[in-house]
Amino acid sequence: MRKPVVYSGKARATGPATPTPPAVVAQPAVNGAEVPDAAAARPRAGWRQGLARAAVDPRVMWSVMGLLAVGLLASQWLVSGGTARELTQKDIDAAVLRTLTTQVMPSPAARAAEVVRPAVVRVMSYGRDEKGEEVEQGVGTGVVIVDKGIILTNLHVVQGARTLKVTFSDGSESVASVTGAQPENDLAVLQAHTIPDDLVAATMRSTQDLVPGDQVVAVGFPFGIGPSTSAGVISGLDRSFRSPEGEQELTNLIQFDAAANPGNSGGPLVTMDGEVVGIVTGILNPTSHRTFVGIGFAVPIESAASAAGLPPF
């Protein structure tokens, strides 16, 4: 069966914690009818997510480097004709150092983006022109939080659209319906009508232990280009932001400086573990230009998850 939601059990400066048991979530309805669950016919893709998450675990990386070092020593032993010699710690340290200097390891931001990218979707909204023909209205980003096709995005990304379509990381497309909204936090919940066999849901992590200076990554479709990755840090917590139109003030936001532009709205803000801590919702620019100048805002994932009716951490 598909698991409804994934929460991270990690906490700052503590040992491994027991992950929160997944909660049972009622399957959303689409146009008044329940969305068919094809879980029984779809193979799980947990191994892909597991490999991606393993890539950000320092213990796994050191283990891999250690194995590479041992393999290097073994190859040298064979080349030397198999002459037996007891390996010393100095030999191992030298081999590990050689591996570090010859093997190019992905950056923390690259690993974080790789973990969350399978759960990031492009959200396209469409309206009707004067002739009644369908026209593109806007583009935004969403993130899959339940692998039954439940997606979080911004309300302003989908508001007023007659038709919504999402594009998954594998390139497949689906019509989507709005199944929930939280206007006070500019959040919307979507249900995709057609779900890829190997759909992966992002892991969500509590924001309670975040501090300014923590590294974060934003993944989305700025100006429709993407998926694009930008990296930065958390600049502040519990911020307020009023939209350029001045219609609504959002509070309790995460301020960050990873580049975000129109189209990033609704996308995930993630830690270096690739775990979602917020939903990108706005940028501050003292001019009339809708471009990034270094101040972005995200709704904490606790609020975002509650919009989908998911339990708290």
Foldseek 3Di string as FASTA:
>chain_A
DFQFFFAAQDDPPDDHGDGDDGDDDDAFADPNHGQDDPLVVFDEQVVQLVVLLLLLDPVSVVVVLLVQLVVVVVVVCVVVVVDDDDDDPVSSVVSSVVSVVPDDRDDLQVSLCSNQQQFKKKKWFWDADPVRDIDTDAIAMWGAGTQQAKIKFFLVRHPPGPWMKIAGPVGDMFTKDWRFDDVLARMTIIGGNDGDSHRDHAYAYECPRFDWPFKKKQFWQAVHDDSDIWIWTFHDFQDWDADPVRPHIHTGKTKIFTFDFGRSGHTFIGGSSNHGQWGWHAADDPDPDRGHDGITITHGVQVRVVRVVGDGD
